[in-house]
Amino acid sequence: MVTYKVRLTPRARVDLTNIVEYVRRKESATTAIKVRKGIMEAIKKLQKLPESHAKVEELSDEQIVFRRMLKWDYKIVFTVEKDELVVLVVKIYHGS
């Protein structure tokens, strides 16, 4: 089975930081840490079979296919670069 490298764009890193900061303010530091850990664990799982996740039709075109995975109420949008064996996470956001 092929293993992909998973990378986050600067935008996705900012998204994750903003999510964690929001949860810390609204809930607690402990919950924020759990949310960050959970999202990062989900992202790490993209190393195996990233193309098994749903295609985001409204964002994709002939040149680039965006896919989405869910972790709780958070959506993780990514692309798969097959030639380089890289999964690039481009956006992380809350579904509501």
N, C-alpha and C. Protein backbone atom coordinates (compact mmCIF):
# COMPACT_ATOMS: atom_id res chain seq x y z
N MET A 1 0.85 -1.18 0.00
CA MET A 1 0.00 0.00 0.00
C MET A 1 0.89 1.25 0.00
N VAL A 2 0.52 2.21 -0.81
CA VAL A 2 1.27 3.45 -0.94
C VAL A 2 1.02 4.34 0.27
N THR A 3 2.08 4.98 0.75
CA THR A 3 1.96 5.94 1.84
C THR A 3 2.26 7.34 1.30
N TYR A 4 1.34 8.25 1.55
CA TYR A 4 1.48 9.63 1.11
C TYR A 4 2.07 10.49 2.22
N LYS A 5 2.79 11.54 1.83
CA LYS A 5 3.21 12.57 2.78
C LYS A 5 2.05 13.54 2.91
N VAL A 6 1.77 13.96 4.12
CA VAL A 6 0.67 14.90 4.35
C VAL A 6 1.26 16.24 4.76
N ARG A 7 0.83 17.29 4.05
CA ARG A 7 1.31 18.64 4.34
C ARG A 7 0.10 19.57 4.51
N LEU A 8 0.28 20.58 5.33
CA LEU A 8 -0.74 21.61 5.50
C LEU A 8 -0.25 22.89 4.86
N THR A 9 -1.12 23.56 4.12
CA THR A 9 -0.78 24.86 3.58
C THR A 9 -0.74 25.86 4.73
N PRO A 10 -0.11 27.00 4.53
CA PRO A 10 -0.14 28.05 5.57
C PRO A 10 -1.58 28.41 5.95
N ARG A 11 -2.47 28.44 4.97
CA ARG A 11 -3.87 28.77 5.23
C ARG A 11 -4.50 27.73 6.17
N ALA A 12 -4.24 26.46 5.92
CA ALA A 12 -4.79 25.40 6.76
C ALA A 12 -4.23 25.48 8.18
N ARG A 13 -2.96 25.84 8.29
CA ARG A 13 -2.36 26.00 9.63
C ARG A 13 -3.03 27.12 10.40
N VAL A 14 -3.31 28.22 9.70
CA VAL A 14 -4.02 29.35 10.34
C VAL A 14 -5.43 28.92 10.73
N ASP A 15 -6.10 28.18 9.86
CA ASP A 15 -7.44 27.67 10.18
C ASP A 15 -7.42 26.85 11.46
N LEU A 16 -6.46 25.94 11.56
CA LEU A 16 -6.36 25.09 12.74
C LEU A 16 -6.07 25.92 13.99
N THR A 17 -5.18 26.86 13.88
CA THR A 17 -4.87 27.74 15.02
C THR A 17 -6.12 28.50 15.45
N ASN A 18 -6.87 29.03 14.50
CA ASN A 18 -8.09 29.78 14.82
C ASN A 18 -9.14 28.90 15.47
N ILE A 19 -9.28 27.67 14.99
CA ILE A 19 -10.23 26.73 15.60
C ILE A 19 -9.85 26.44 17.04
N VAL A 20 -8.59 26.14 17.26
CA VAL A 20 -8.12 25.81 18.61
C VAL A 20 -8.29 27.01 19.54
N GLU A 21 -7.98 28.19 19.06
CA GLU A 21 -8.12 29.39 19.89
C GLU A 21 -9.59 29.65 20.22
N TYR A 22 -10.46 29.47 19.27
CA TYR A 22 -11.89 29.65 19.50
C TYR A 22 -12.41 28.67 20.56
N VAL A 23 -12.03 27.40 20.41
CA VAL A 23 -12.47 26.38 21.38
C VAL A 23 -11.90 26.70 22.76
N ARG A 24 -10.65 27.15 22.81
CA ARG A 24 -10.05 27.51 24.10
C ARG A 24 -10.85 28.62 24.78
N ARG A 25 -11.26 29.63 24.00
CA ARG A 25 -12.02 30.75 24.57
C ARG A 25 -13.43 30.33 24.99
N LYS A 26 -14.08 29.51 24.17
CA LYS A 26 -15.48 29.15 24.41
C LYS A 26 -15.66 27.98 25.37
N GLU A 27 -14.69 27.05 25.37
CA GLU A 27 -14.81 25.85 26.19
C GLU A 27 -13.74 25.83 27.27
N SER A 28 -12.57 25.30 26.92
CA SER A 28 -11.45 25.24 27.86
C SER A 28 -10.17 24.90 27.11
N ALA A 29 -9.05 25.10 27.77
CA ALA A 29 -7.76 24.76 27.18
C ALA A 29 -7.66 23.25 26.95
N THR A 30 -8.20 22.48 27.87
CA THR A 30 -8.17 21.02 27.74
C THR A 30 -8.95 20.56 26.51
N THR A 31 -10.13 21.13 26.32
CA THR A 31 -10.93 20.78 25.15
C THR A 31 -10.24 21.22 23.87
N ALA A 32 -9.61 22.37 23.88
CA ALA A 32 -8.89 22.88 22.71
C ALA A 32 -7.76 21.92 22.32
N ILE A 33 -7.06 21.43 23.31
CA ILE A 33 -5.97 20.48 23.05
C ILE A 33 -6.53 19.19 22.43
N LYS A 34 -7.66 18.72 22.96
CA LYS A 34 -8.28 17.51 22.42
C LYS A 34 -8.75 17.71 20.98
N VAL A 35 -9.29 18.89 20.69
CA VAL A 35 -9.75 19.19 19.32
C VAL A 35 -8.56 19.21 18.37
N ARG A 36 -7.49 19.89 18.77
CA ARG A 36 -6.30 19.95 17.91
C ARG A 36 -5.75 18.54 17.66
N LYS A 37 -5.63 17.77 18.73
CA LYS A 37 -5.11 16.41 18.61
C LYS A 37 -6.00 15.56 17.71
N GLY A 38 -7.31 15.66 17.87
CA GLY A 38 -8.23 14.88 17.06
C GLY A 38 -8.17 15.23 15.58
N ILE A 39 -8.09 16.52 15.28
CA ILE A 39 -8.00 16.96 13.90
C ILE A 39 -6.68 16.50 13.29
N MET A 40 -5.60 16.65 14.02
CA MET A 40 -4.29 16.23 13.50
C MET A 40 -4.22 14.72 13.29
N GLU A 41 -4.84 13.94 14.18
CA GLU A 41 -4.88 12.49 13.99
C GLU A 41 -5.66 12.12 12.74
N ALA A 42 -6.77 12.82 12.51
CA ALA A 42 -7.57 12.58 11.30
C ALA A 42 -6.75 12.91 10.05
N ILE A 43 -6.05 14.04 10.09
CA ILE A 43 -5.23 14.45 8.95
C ILE A 43 -4.13 13.42 8.69
N LYS A 44 -3.53 12.91 9.75
CA LYS A 44 -2.47 11.91 9.58
C LYS A 44 -2.98 10.65 8.88
N LYS A 45 -4.23 10.32 9.10
CA LYS A 45 -4.81 9.13 8.46
C LYS A 45 -4.91 9.27 6.95
N LEU A 46 -4.75 10.49 6.44
CA LEU A 46 -4.78 10.70 4.99
C LEU A 46 -3.55 10.10 4.31
N GLN A 47 -2.58 9.64 5.09
CA GLN A 47 -1.40 8.99 4.51
C GLN A 47 -1.81 7.73 3.74
N LYS A 48 -2.88 7.11 4.14
CA LYS A 48 -3.36 5.88 3.51
C LYS A 48 -4.71 6.14 2.84
N LEU A 49 -4.83 5.79 1.60
CA LEU A 49 -6.07 5.85 0.84
C LEU A 49 -6.78 7.22 0.87
N PRO A 50 -6.08 8.31 0.60
CA PRO A 50 -6.73 9.62 0.65
C PRO A 50 -7.82 9.78 -0.40
N GLU A 51 -7.73 9.04 -1.49
CA GLU A 51 -8.71 9.17 -2.55
C GLU A 51 -10.03 8.46 -2.23
N SER A 52 -10.11 7.82 -1.09
CA SER A 52 -11.35 7.17 -0.69
C SER A 52 -12.36 8.18 -0.14
N HIS A 53 -11.93 9.41 0.09
CA HIS A 53 -12.82 10.44 0.64
C HIS A 53 -13.59 11.14 -0.47
N ALA A 54 -14.70 11.72 -0.09
CA ALA A 54 -15.62 12.34 -1.05
C ALA A 54 -14.99 13.50 -1.80
N LYS A 55 -15.29 13.55 -3.07
CA LYS A 55 -14.87 14.65 -3.93
C LYS A 55 -15.77 15.85 -3.66
N VAL A 56 -15.19 17.04 -3.64
CA VAL A 56 -15.96 18.27 -3.46
C VAL A 56 -16.21 18.83 -4.86
N GLU A 57 -17.34 18.49 -5.42
CA GLU A 57 -17.65 18.84 -6.81
C GLU A 57 -17.61 20.35 -7.06
N GLU A 58 -18.14 21.12 -6.12
CA GLU A 58 -18.24 22.57 -6.33
C GLU A 58 -16.89 23.28 -6.36
N LEU A 59 -15.85 22.64 -5.86
CA LEU A 59 -14.51 23.23 -5.87
C LEU A 59 -13.60 22.63 -6.94
N SER A 60 -13.90 21.45 -7.37
CA SER A 60 -13.02 20.72 -8.28
C SER A 60 -13.25 21.12 -9.74
N ASP A 61 -12.20 20.94 -10.54
CA ASP A 61 -12.32 21.12 -11.99
C ASP A 61 -11.48 20.05 -12.67
N GLU A 62 -11.20 20.24 -13.95
CA GLU A 62 -10.45 19.22 -14.69
C GLU A 62 -9.00 19.10 -14.23
N GLN A 63 -8.41 20.20 -13.77
CA GLN A 63 -7.01 20.18 -13.37
C GLN A 63 -6.79 19.71 -11.93
N ILE A 64 -7.70 20.07 -11.05
CA ILE A 64 -7.47 19.77 -9.63
C ILE A 64 -8.76 19.25 -8.99
N VAL A 65 -8.60 18.19 -8.23
CA VAL A 65 -9.73 17.58 -7.53
C VAL A 65 -9.56 17.82 -6.04
N PHE A 66 -10.56 18.45 -5.44
CA PHE A 66 -10.56 18.65 -4.00
C PHE A 66 -11.41 17.57 -3.37
N ARG A 67 -10.95 17.08 -2.24
CA ARG A 67 -11.68 16.06 -1.48
C ARG A 67 -11.88 16.57 -0.06
N ARG A 68 -12.81 15.92 0.64
CA ARG A 68 -13.15 16.37 1.98
C ARG A 68 -13.27 15.17 2.91
N MET A 69 -12.77 15.35 4.13
CA MET A 69 -13.01 14.37 5.17
C MET A 69 -13.59 15.12 6.38
N LEU A 70 -14.28 14.39 7.22
CA LEU A 70 -14.89 14.99 8.39
C LEU A 70 -14.24 14.46 9.66
N LYS A 71 -14.11 15.35 10.62
CA LYS A 71 -13.71 14.98 11.98
C LYS A 71 -14.63 15.76 12.89
N TRP A 72 -15.53 15.10 13.54
CA TRP A 72 -16.59 15.73 14.31
C TRP A 72 -17.35 16.68 13.39
N ASP A 73 -17.46 17.96 13.75
CA ASP A 73 -18.15 18.93 12.90
C ASP A 73 -17.18 19.71 12.01
N TYR A 74 -15.94 19.28 11.96
CA TYR A 74 -14.92 19.99 11.18
C TYR A 74 -14.73 19.31 9.83
N LYS A 75 -14.60 20.14 8.81
CA LYS A 75 -14.36 19.65 7.46
C LYS A 75 -12.91 19.95 7.09
N ILE A 76 -12.25 18.96 6.56
CA ILE A 76 -10.85 19.07 6.16
C ILE A 76 -10.82 18.89 4.64
N VAL A 77 -10.44 19.95 3.93
CA VAL A 77 -10.41 19.93 2.47
C VAL A 77 -8.97 19.75 2.02
N PHE A 78 -8.77 18.84 1.06
CA PHE A 78 -7.41 18.54 0.62
C PHE A 78 -7.38 18.12 -0.84
N THR A 79 -6.18 18.11 -1.39
CA THR A 79 -5.94 17.60 -2.74
C THR A 79 -4.92 16.48 -2.64
N VAL A 80 -4.89 15.64 -3.65
CA VAL A 80 -3.93 14.54 -3.70
C VAL A 80 -3.05 14.74 -4.93
N GLU A 81 -1.75 14.83 -4.70
CA GLU A 81 -0.79 14.93 -5.80
C GLU A 81 -0.16 13.56 -5.98
N LYS A 82 -0.75 12.79 -6.89
CA LYS A 82 -0.34 11.39 -7.07
C LYS A 82 1.11 11.25 -7.49
N ASP A 83 1.56 12.14 -8.38
CA ASP A 83 2.94 12.04 -8.90
C ASP A 83 3.98 12.18 -7.78
N GLU A 84 3.68 13.05 -6.82
CA GLU A 84 4.63 13.32 -5.74
C GLU A 84 4.28 12.58 -4.45
N LEU A 85 3.18 11.84 -4.48
CA LEU A 85 2.67 11.12 -3.29
C LEU A 85 2.51 12.07 -2.10
N VAL A 86 1.81 13.17 -2.37
CA VAL A 86 1.58 14.20 -1.34
C VAL A 86 0.08 14.47 -1.23
N VAL A 87 -0.38 14.56 0.00
CA VAL A 87 -1.73 15.05 0.29
C VAL A 87 -1.54 16.45 0.86
N LEU A 88 -2.20 17.43 0.24
CA LEU A 88 -2.06 18.82 0.65
C LEU A 88 -3.38 19.30 1.24
N VAL A 89 -3.37 19.53 2.56
CA VAL A 89 -4.56 20.04 3.24
C VAL A 89 -4.61 21.55 2.99
N VAL A 90 -5.71 22.00 2.41
CA VAL A 90 -5.81 23.42 2.02
C VAL A 90 -6.74 24.23 2.91
N LYS A 91 -7.67 23.58 3.60
CA LYS A 91 -8.64 24.31 4.43
C LYS A 91 -9.19 23.40 5.50
N ILE A 92 -9.42 23.98 6.69
CA ILE A 92 -10.07 23.28 7.79
C ILE A 92 -11.11 24.25 8.35
N TYR A 93 -12.36 23.80 8.44
CA TYR A 93 -13.39 24.71 8.96
C TYR A 93 -14.50 23.92 9.65
N HIS A 94 -15.25 24.66 10.47
CA HIS A 94 -16.39 24.09 11.16
C HIS A 94 -17.56 24.05 10.21
N GLY A 95 -18.30 22.97 10.21
CA GLY A 95 -19.37 22.76 9.26
C GLY A 95 -20.61 23.62 9.44
N SER A 96 -20.75 24.29 10.58
CA SER A 96 -21.97 25.09 10.78
C SER A 96 -21.83 26.51 10.32
